[in-house]
Structure formats: C-alpha cells, structure tokens
Amino acid sequence: MSAVKTPIIKIGNSRGIRIPKLLIDQVGLGNEVEITVQRDQLVIRPTSRPRYGWDEQFRAMASHSDDLLLDELTPTQWDVSEWKW
C-alpha cells in the first residue's frame, strides 16, 4: 500500500488520526501502540511483548532435552525436616 492521507481530528484537547485496517493488519498493531518522535516524524509501532514466543521456545528446548536444570538440587534443613508431601 502506498502513502495514505488522512485528516487529523480533534478529540477533546488532543488530536487523533484514523489508521486504515489494511495498515493495521500489515504492521500487526494490537490495542496498544508505542509512539516515538524521530527527527521530524512520528513513529507508531506495536508495543513490545517481552515474552512473545516463549512457549514455542520452551517446546523446542524440551524436544532437544535442553530444558534440564544445570545445578544439582541442594535440599535445605527445612526441606529435610519440615516438608511433607
């Protein structure tokens, strides 16, 4: 899709724009965006999702037996004397 012109509309004391659905779908915008200023431009991008894809990565680790503990378990005194199953 080439450049799209859209009016800036008044929303209370703020201003807003309408973003066409096609653009939203192309970029993958959700319900929240991050807006920054770079030189003389506004940059709108999807908010970061820090844990996005972790479930697939954990499955991949398990399939390669790479999901094991690296340290040996060292029981504490509480584990030995007080823990009950």
PDB file of N, CA and C in Angstrom:
ATOM      1  N   MET A   1       0.848  -1.170   0.000  1.00  0.00           N
ATOM      2  CA  MET A   1       0.000   0.000   0.000  1.00  0.00           C
ATOM      3  C   MET A   1       0.893   1.232   0.000  1.00  0.00           C
ATOM      4  N   SER A   2       0.577   2.199  -0.826  1.00  0.00           N
ATOM      5  CA  SER A   2       1.349   3.439  -0.879  1.00  0.00           C
ATOM      6  C   SER A   2       0.894   4.372   0.243  1.00  0.00           C
ATOM      7  N   ALA A   3       1.448   5.569   0.267  1.00  0.00           N
ATOM      8  CA  ALA A   3       1.126   6.546   1.305  1.00  0.00           C
ATOM      9  C   ALA A   3      -0.372   6.846   1.326  1.00  0.00           C
ATOM     10  N   VAL A   4      -0.888   7.025   2.516  1.00  0.00           N
ATOM     11  CA  VAL A   4      -2.317   7.304   2.707  1.00  0.00           C
ATOM     12  C   VAL A   4      -2.445   8.652   3.394  1.00  0.00           C
ATOM     13  N   LYS A   5      -3.290   9.521   2.875  1.00  0.00           N
ATOM     14  CA  LYS A   5      -3.568  10.797   3.534  1.00  0.00           C
ATOM     15  C   LYS A   5      -4.816  10.626   4.381  1.00  0.00           C
ATOM     16  N   THR A   6      -4.767  11.167   5.582  1.00  0.00           N
ATOM     17  CA  THR A   6      -5.908  11.086   6.487  1.00  0.00           C
ATOM     18  C   THR A   6      -5.969  12.375   7.296  1.00  0.00           C
ATOM     19  N   PRO A   7      -7.161  12.866   7.603  1.00  0.00           N
ATOM     20  CA  PRO A   7      -7.256  14.118   8.358  1.00  0.00           C
ATOM     21  C   PRO A   7      -6.896  13.921   9.831  1.00  0.00           C
ATOM     22  N   ILE A   8      -6.404  14.984  10.446  1.00  0.00           N
ATOM     23  CA  ILE A   8      -6.185  14.997  11.892  1.00  0.00           C
ATOM     24  C   ILE A   8      -7.481  15.537  12.496  1.00  0.00           C
ATOM     25  N   ILE A   9      -8.063  14.773  13.421  1.00  0.00           N
ATOM     26  CA  ILE A   9      -9.349  15.156  14.005  1.00  0.00           C
ATOM     27  C   ILE A   9      -9.164  15.588  15.458  1.00  0.00           C
ATOM     28  N   LYS A  10     -10.038  16.463  15.918  1.00  0.00           N
ATOM     29  CA  LYS A  10      -9.987  16.950  17.288  1.00  0.00           C
ATOM     30  C   LYS A  10     -10.682  15.942  18.201  1.00  0.00           C
ATOM     31  N   ILE A  11     -10.008  15.598  19.295  1.00  0.00           N
ATOM     32  CA  ILE A  11     -10.560  14.709  20.315  1.00  0.00           C
ATOM     33  C   ILE A  11     -10.305  15.397  21.656  1.00  0.00           C
ATOM     34  N   GLY A  12     -11.260  16.178  22.124  1.00  0.00           N
ATOM     35  CA  GLY A  12     -11.054  16.969  23.340  1.00  0.00           C
ATOM     36  C   GLY A  12      -9.944  17.961  23.110  1.00  0.00           C
ATOM     37  N   ASN A  13      -8.941  17.971  24.013  1.00  0.00           N
ATOM     38  CA  ASN A  13      -7.789  18.857  23.853  1.00  0.00           C
ATOM     39  C   ASN A  13      -6.695  18.217  23.005  1.00  0.00           C
ATOM     40  N   SER A  14      -6.908  16.969  22.595  1.00  0.00           N
ATOM     41  CA  SER A  14      -5.909  16.245  21.820  1.00  0.00           C
ATOM     42  C   SER A  14      -6.309  16.183  20.350  1.00  0.00           C
ATOM     43  N   ARG A  15      -5.507  15.520  19.563  1.00  0.00           N
ATOM     44  CA  ARG A  15      -5.789  15.283  18.160  1.00  0.00           C
ATOM     45  C   ARG A  15      -5.583  13.801  17.879  1.00  0.00           C
ATOM     46  N   GLY A  16      -6.253  13.309  16.864  1.00  0.00           N
ATOM     47  CA  GLY A  16      -6.129  11.902  16.535  1.00  0.00           C
ATOM     48  C   GLY A  16      -6.169  11.677  15.040  1.00  0.00           C
ATOM     49  N   ILE A  17      -5.784  10.483  14.652  1.00  0.00           N
ATOM     50  CA  ILE A  17      -5.873  10.083  13.251  1.00  0.00           C
ATOM     51  C   ILE A  17      -6.531   8.711  13.188  1.00  0.00           C
ATOM     52  N   ARG A  18      -7.134   8.415  12.058  1.00  0.00           N
ATOM     53  CA  ARG A  18      -7.687   7.087  11.823  1.00  0.00           C
ATOM     54  C   ARG A  18      -6.696   6.332  10.953  1.00  0.00           C
ATOM     55  N   ILE A  19      -6.368   5.131  11.380  1.00  0.00           N
ATOM     56  CA  ILE A  19      -5.418   4.315  10.630  1.00  0.00           C
ATOM     57  C   ILE A  19      -6.216   3.234   9.896  1.00  0.00           C
ATOM     58  N   PRO A  20      -6.077   3.137   8.577  1.00  0.00           N
ATOM     59  CA  PRO A  20      -6.822   2.124   7.832  1.00  0.00           C
ATOM     60  C   PRO A  20      -6.505   0.706   8.311  1.00  0.00           C
ATOM     61  N   LYS A  21      -7.517  -0.140   8.316  1.00  0.00           N
ATOM     62  CA  LYS A  21      -7.386  -1.524   8.782  1.00  0.00           C
ATOM     63  C   LYS A  21      -6.276  -2.260   8.039  1.00  0.00           C
ATOM     64  N   LEU A  22      -6.154  -2.022   6.750  1.00  0.00           N
ATOM     65  CA  LEU A  22      -5.115  -2.682   5.962  1.00  0.00           C
ATOM     66  C   LEU A  22      -3.725  -2.401   6.530  1.00  0.00           C
ATOM     67  N   LEU A  23      -3.475  -1.157   6.921  1.00  0.00           N
ATOM     68  CA  LEU A  23      -2.178  -0.809   7.508  1.00  0.00           C
ATOM     69  C   LEU A  23      -2.004  -1.449   8.874  1.00  0.00           C
ATOM     70  N   ILE A  24      -3.067  -1.439   9.663  1.00  0.00           N
ATOM     71  CA  ILE A  24      -3.008  -2.057  10.998  1.00  0.00           C
ATOM     72  C   ILE A  24      -2.678  -3.540  10.873  1.00  0.00           C
ATOM     73  N   ASP A  25      -3.321  -4.213   9.931  1.00  0.00           N
ATOM     74  CA  ASP A  25      -3.071  -5.644   9.722  1.00  0.00           C
ATOM     75  C   ASP A  25      -1.655  -5.901   9.211  1.00  0.00           C
ATOM     76  N   GLN A  26      -1.163  -5.055   8.308  1.00  0.00           N
ATOM     77  CA  GLN A  26       0.189  -5.237   7.766  1.00  0.00           C
ATOM     78  C   GLN A  26       1.253  -5.139   8.848  1.00  0.00           C
ATOM     79  N   VAL A  27       1.058  -4.224   9.778  1.00  0.00           N
ATOM     80  CA  VAL A  27       2.063  -3.994  10.821  1.00  0.00           C
ATOM     81  C   VAL A  27       1.833  -4.874  12.038  1.00  0.00           C
ATOM     82  N   GLY A  28       0.609  -5.358  12.209  1.00  0.00           N
ATOM     83  CA  GLY A  28       0.299  -6.187  13.370  1.00  0.00           C
ATOM     84  C   GLY A  28       0.042  -5.378  14.623  1.00  0.00           C
ATOM     85  N   LEU A  29      -0.594  -4.217  14.469  1.00  0.00           N
ATOM     86  CA  LEU A  29      -0.904  -3.402  15.646  1.00  0.00           C
ATOM     87  C   LEU A  29      -2.013  -4.065  16.455  1.00  0.00           C
ATOM     88  N   GLY A  30      -1.895  -4.002  17.767  1.00  0.00           N
ATOM     89  CA  GLY A  30      -2.922  -4.522  18.652  1.00  0.00           C
ATOM     90  C   GLY A  30      -3.732  -3.379  19.233  1.00  0.00           C
ATOM     91  N   ASN A  31      -4.132  -3.521  20.483  1.00  0.00           N
ATOM     92  CA  ASN A  31      -4.936  -2.500  21.146  1.00  0.00           C
ATOM     93  C   ASN A  31      -4.099  -1.372  21.736  1.00  0.00           C
ATOM     94  N   GLU A  32      -2.786  -1.535  21.736  1.00  0.00           N
ATOM     95  CA  GLU A  32      -1.905  -0.522  22.315  1.00  0.00           C
ATOM     96  C   GLU A  32      -0.710  -0.344  21.391  1.00  0.00           C
ATOM     97  N   VAL A  33      -0.270   0.890  21.211  1.00  0.00           N
ATOM     98  CA  VAL A  33       0.890   1.168  20.367  1.00  0.00           C
ATOM     99  C   VAL A  33       1.905   1.999  21.128  1.00  0.00           C
ATOM    100  N   GLU A  34       3.089   2.060  20.595  1.00  0.00           N
ATOM    101  CA  GLU A  34       4.168   2.884  21.128  1.00  0.00           C
ATOM    102  C   GLU A  34       4.420   3.975  20.097  1.00  0.00           C
ATOM    103  N   ILE A  35       4.417   5.228  20.521  1.00  0.00           N
ATOM    104  CA  ILE A  35       4.636   6.352  19.613  1.00  0.00           C
ATOM    105  C   ILE A  35       5.902   7.075  20.037  1.00  0.00           C
ATOM    106  N   THR A  36       6.812   7.260  19.094  1.00  0.00           N
ATOM    107  CA  THR A  36       8.045   7.995  19.360  1.00  0.00           C
ATOM    108  C   THR A  36       8.233   9.060  18.283  1.00  0.00           C
ATOM    109  N   VAL A  37       9.097  10.021  18.584  1.00  0.00           N
ATOM    110  CA  VAL A  37       9.447  11.051  17.624  1.00  0.00           C
ATOM    111  C   VAL A  37      10.872  10.772  17.162  1.00  0.00           C
ATOM    112  N   GLN A  38      11.046  10.665  15.843  1.00  0.00           N
ATOM    113  CA  GLN A  38      12.379  10.505  15.263  1.00  0.00           C
ATOM    114  C   GLN A  38      12.559  11.607  14.234  1.00  0.00           C
ATOM    115  N   ARG A  39      13.449  12.513  14.545  1.00  0.00           N
ATOM    116  CA  ARG A  39      13.643  13.731  13.760  1.00  0.00           C
ATOM    117  C   ARG A  39      12.319  14.457  13.624  1.00  0.00           C
ATOM    118  N   ASP A  40      11.769  14.581  12.451  1.00  0.00           N
ATOM    119  CA  ASP A  40      10.503  15.298  12.289  1.00  0.00           C
ATOM    120  C   ASP A  40       9.349  14.355  11.975  1.00  0.00           C
ATOM    121  N   GLN A  41       9.443  13.109  12.445  1.00  0.00           N
ATOM    122  CA  GLN A  41       8.417  12.110  12.142  1.00  0.00           C
ATOM    123  C   GLN A  41       7.890  11.458  13.413  1.00  0.00           C
ATOM    124  N   LEU A  42       6.599  11.104  13.401  1.00  0.00           N
ATOM    125  CA  LEU A  42       6.036  10.256  14.447  1.00  0.00           C
ATOM    126  C   LEU A  42       6.170   8.818  13.976  1.00  0.00           C
ATOM    127  N   VAL A  43       6.647   7.960  14.831  1.00  0.00           N
ATOM    128  CA  VAL A  43       6.788   6.545  14.502  1.00  0.00           C
ATOM    129  C   VAL A  43       5.842   5.771  15.409  1.00  0.00           C
ATOM    130  N   ILE A  44       4.932   5.043  14.812  1.00  0.00           N
ATOM    131  CA  ILE A  44       3.956   4.240  15.554  1.00  0.00           C
ATOM    132  C   ILE A  44       4.303   2.784  15.338  1.00  0.00           C
ATOM    133  N   ARG A  45       4.506   2.051  16.426  1.00  0.00           N
ATOM    134  CA  ARG A  45       4.840   0.624  16.307  1.00  0.00           C
ATOM    135  C   ARG A  45       4.096  -0.159  17.372  1.00  0.00           C
ATOM    136  N   PRO A  46       3.947  -1.464  17.151  1.00  0.00           N
ATOM    137  CA  PRO A  46       3.287  -2.288  18.169  1.00  0.00           C
ATOM    138  C   PRO A  46       4.077  -2.228  19.471  1.00  0.00           C
ATOM    139  N   THR A  47       3.376  -2.328  20.592  1.00  0.00           N
ATOM    140  CA  THR A  47       4.085  -2.373  21.868  1.00  0.00           C
ATOM    141  C   THR A  47       4.878  -3.660  21.926  1.00  0.00           C
ATOM    142  N   SER A  48       5.991  -3.607  22.617  1.00  0.00           N
ATOM    143  CA  SER A  48       6.822  -4.806  22.718  1.00  0.00           C
ATOM    144  C   SER A  48       6.128  -5.828  23.609  1.00  0.00           C
ATOM    145  N   ARG A  49       6.304  -7.060  23.249  1.00  0.00           N
ATOM    146  CA  ARG A  49       5.757  -8.161  24.035  1.00  0.00           C
ATOM    147  C   ARG A  49       6.943  -9.016  24.468  1.00  0.00           C
ATOM    148  N   PRO A  50       7.499  -8.731  25.652  1.00  0.00           N
ATOM    149  CA  PRO A  50       8.756  -9.360  26.058  1.00  0.00           C
ATOM    150  C   PRO A  50       8.743 -10.876  26.083  1.00  0.00           C
ATOM    151  N   ARG A  51       7.608 -11.483  26.346  1.00  0.00           N
ATOM    152  CA  ARG A  51       7.569 -12.942  26.448  1.00  0.00           C
ATOM    153  C   ARG A  51       6.939 -13.604  25.223  1.00  0.00           C
ATOM    154  N   TYR A  52       6.770 -12.832  24.155  1.00  0.00           N
ATOM    155  CA  TYR A  52       6.167 -13.365  22.947  1.00  0.00           C
ATOM    156  C   TYR A  52       7.030 -14.495  22.396  1.00  0.00           C
ATOM    157  N   GLY A  53       6.427 -15.632  22.138  1.00  0.00           N
ATOM    158  CA  GLY A  53       7.142 -16.763  21.552  1.00  0.00           C
ATOM    159  C   GLY A  53       7.819 -17.682  22.547  1.00  0.00           C
ATOM    160  N   TRP A  54       7.744 -17.358  23.837  1.00  0.00           N
ATOM    161  CA  TRP A  54       8.416 -18.205  24.816  1.00  0.00           C
ATOM    162  C   TRP A  54       7.876 -19.629  24.813  1.00  0.00           C
ATOM    163  N   ASP A  55       6.559 -19.799  24.672  1.00  0.00           N
ATOM    164  CA  ASP A  55       6.005 -21.150  24.715  1.00  0.00           C
ATOM    165  C   ASP A  55       6.588 -22.020  23.612  1.00  0.00           C
ATOM    166  N   GLU A  56       6.757 -21.471  22.392  1.00  0.00           N
ATOM    167  CA  GLU A  56       7.361 -22.242  21.309  1.00  0.00           C
ATOM    168  C   GLU A  56       8.821 -22.563  21.608  1.00  0.00           C
ATOM    169  N   GLN A  57       9.527 -21.591  22.187  1.00  0.00           N
ATOM    170  CA  GLN A  57      10.927 -21.814  22.521  1.00  0.00           C
ATOM    171  C   GLN A  57      11.085 -22.892  23.594  1.00  0.00           C
ATOM    172  N   PHE A  58      10.205 -22.890  24.584  1.00  0.00           N
ATOM    173  CA  PHE A  58      10.271 -23.922  25.624  1.00  0.00           C
ATOM    174  C   PHE A  58       9.993 -25.302  25.041  1.00  0.00           C
ATOM    175  N   ARG A  59       9.024 -25.395  24.120  1.00  0.00           N
ATOM    176  CA  ARG A  59       8.748 -26.680  23.466  1.00  0.00           C
ATOM    177  C   ARG A  59       9.964 -27.153  22.670  1.00  0.00           C
ATOM    178  N   ALA A  60      10.615 -26.223  21.974  1.00  0.00           N
ATOM    179  CA  ALA A  60      11.807 -26.582  21.196  1.00  0.00           C
ATOM    180  C   ALA A  60      12.927 -27.055  22.123  1.00  0.00           C
ATOM    181  N   MET A  61      13.102 -26.378  23.257  1.00  0.00           N
ATOM    182  CA  MET A  61      14.117 -26.807  24.220  1.00  0.00           C
ATOM    183  C   MET A  61      13.819 -28.209  24.724  1.00  0.00           C
ATOM    184  N   ALA A  62      12.555 -28.477  25.048  1.00  0.00           N
ATOM    185  CA  ALA A  62      12.181 -29.795  25.566  1.00  0.00           C
ATOM    186  C   ALA A  62      12.415 -30.875  24.516  1.00  0.00           C
ATOM    187  N   SER A  63      12.132 -30.583  23.261  1.00  0.00           N
ATOM    188  CA  SER A  63      12.319 -31.592  22.213  1.00  0.00           C
ATOM    189  C   SER A  63      13.790 -31.927  22.008  1.00  0.00           C
ATOM    190  N   HIS A  64      14.697 -31.035  22.417  1.00  0.00           N
ATOM    191  CA  HIS A  64      16.134 -31.293  22.313  1.00  0.00           C
ATOM    192  C   HIS A  64      16.750 -31.648  23.671  1.00  0.00           C
ATOM    193  N   SER A  65      15.895 -31.934  24.651  1.00  0.00           N
ATOM    194  CA  SER A  65      16.344 -32.241  26.023  1.00  0.00           C
ATOM    195  C   SER A  65      17.256 -31.144  26.566  1.00  0.00           C
ATOM    196  N   ASP A  66      16.932 -29.916  26.218  1.00  0.00           N
ATOM    197  CA  ASP A  66      17.729 -28.784  26.658  1.00  0.00           C
ATOM    198  C   ASP A  66      17.008 -27.990  27.744  1.00  0.00           C
ATOM    199  N   ASP A  67      16.070 -28.649  28.432  1.00  0.00           N
ATOM    200  CA  ASP A  67      15.295 -27.964  29.458  1.00  0.00           C
ATOM    201  C   ASP A  67      15.561 -28.542  30.848  1.00  0.00           C
ATOM    202  N   LEU A  68      16.752 -29.049  31.052  1.00  0.00           N
ATOM    203  CA  LEU A  68      17.113 -29.657  32.320  1.00  0.00           C
ATOM    204  C   LEU A  68      17.821 -28.638  33.209  1.00  0.00           C
ATOM    205  N   LEU A  69      17.746 -28.858  34.525  1.00  0.00           N
ATOM    206  CA  LEU A  69      18.447 -27.993  35.470  1.00  0.00           C
ATOM    207  C   LEU A  69      19.946 -28.175  35.313  1.00  0.00           C
ATOM    208  N   LEU A  70      20.692 -27.088  35.388  1.00  0.00           N
ATOM    209  CA  LEU A  70      22.141 -27.163  35.278  1.00  0.00           C
ATOM    210  C   LEU A  70      22.801 -27.391  36.632  1.00  0.00           C
ATOM    211  N   ASP A  71      22.155 -26.968  37.701  1.00  0.00           N
ATOM    212  CA  ASP A  71      22.695 -27.134  39.045  1.00  0.00           C
ATOM    213  C   ASP A  71      22.029 -28.317  39.720  1.00  0.00           C
ATOM    214  N   GLU A  72      22.778 -28.971  40.615  1.00  0.00           N
ATOM    215  CA  GLU A  72      22.173 -30.045  41.398  1.00  0.00           C
ATOM    216  C   GLU A  72      21.295 -29.429  42.486  1.00  0.00           C
ATOM    217  N   LEU A  73      20.226 -30.127  42.803  1.00  0.00           N
ATOM    218  CA  LEU A  73      19.366 -29.660  43.883  1.00  0.00           C
ATOM    219  C   LEU A  73      20.061 -29.881  45.214  1.00  0.00           C
ATOM    220  N   THR A  74      20.080 -28.874  46.049  1.00  0.00           N
ATOM    221  CA  THR A  74      20.684 -28.963  47.378  1.00  0.00           C
ATOM    222  C   THR A  74      19.575 -28.699  48.382  1.00  0.00           C
ATOM    223  N   PRO A  75      19.075 -29.756  49.036  1.00  0.00           N
ATOM    224  CA  PRO A  75      17.987 -29.568  49.993  1.00  0.00           C
ATOM    225  C   PRO A  75      18.432 -28.720  51.183  1.00  0.00           C
ATOM    226  N   THR A  76      17.515 -27.903  51.670  1.00  0.00           N
ATOM    227  CA  THR A  76      17.780 -27.102  52.863  1.00  0.00           C
ATOM    228  C   THR A  76      17.341 -27.896  54.085  1.00  0.00           C
ATOM    229  N   GLN A  77      17.651 -27.388  55.270  1.00  0.00           N
ATOM    230  CA  GLN A  77      17.224 -28.044  56.508  1.00  0.00           C
ATOM    231  C   GLN A  77      15.699 -28.119  56.560  1.00  0.00           C
ATOM    232  N   TRP A  78      15.022 -27.065  56.094  1.00  0.00           N
ATOM    233  CA  TRP A  78      13.560 -27.065  56.063  1.00  0.00           C
ATOM    234  C   TRP A  78      13.039 -28.183  55.162  1.00  0.00           C
ATOM    235  N   ASP A  79      13.676 -28.363  54.001  1.00  0.00           N
ATOM    236  CA  ASP A  79      13.275 -29.437  53.093  1.00  0.00           C
ATOM    237  C   ASP A  79      13.368 -30.800  53.783  1.00  0.00           C
ATOM    238  N   VAL A  80      14.427 -30.988  54.543  1.00  0.00           N
ATOM    239  CA  VAL A  80      14.672 -32.286  55.177  1.00  0.00           C
ATOM    240  C   VAL A  80      13.738 -32.518  56.358  1.00  0.00           C
ATOM    241  N   SER A  81      13.561 -31.515  57.203  1.00  0.00           N
ATOM    242  CA  SER A  81      12.839 -31.737  58.457  1.00  0.00           C
ATOM    243  C   SER A  81      11.370 -31.361  58.435  1.00  0.00           C
ATOM    244  N   GLU A  82      10.948 -30.403  57.614  1.00  0.00           N
ATOM    245  CA  GLU A  82       9.583 -29.908  57.715  1.00  0.00           C
ATOM    246  C   GLU A  82       8.707 -30.171  56.502  1.00  0.00           C
ATOM    247  N   TRP A  83       9.286 -30.358  55.342  1.00  0.00           N
ATOM    248  CA  TRP A  83       8.473 -30.529  54.138  1.00  0.00           C
ATOM    249  C   TRP A  83       7.736 -31.864  54.177  1.00  0.00           C
ATOM    250  N   LYS A  84       6.441 -31.836  53.920  1.00  0.00           N
ATOM    251  CA  LYS A  84       5.636 -33.053  53.894  1.00  0.00           C
ATOM    252  C   LYS A  84       4.885 -33.103  52.581  1.00  0.00           C
ATOM    253  N   TRP A  85       4.855 -34.258  51.960  1.00  0.00           N
ATOM    254  CA  TRP A  85       4.098 -34.474  50.728  1.00  0.00           C
ATOM    255  C   TRP A  85       2.679 -34.751  51.056  1.00  0.00           C
TER     256      TRP A  85
END
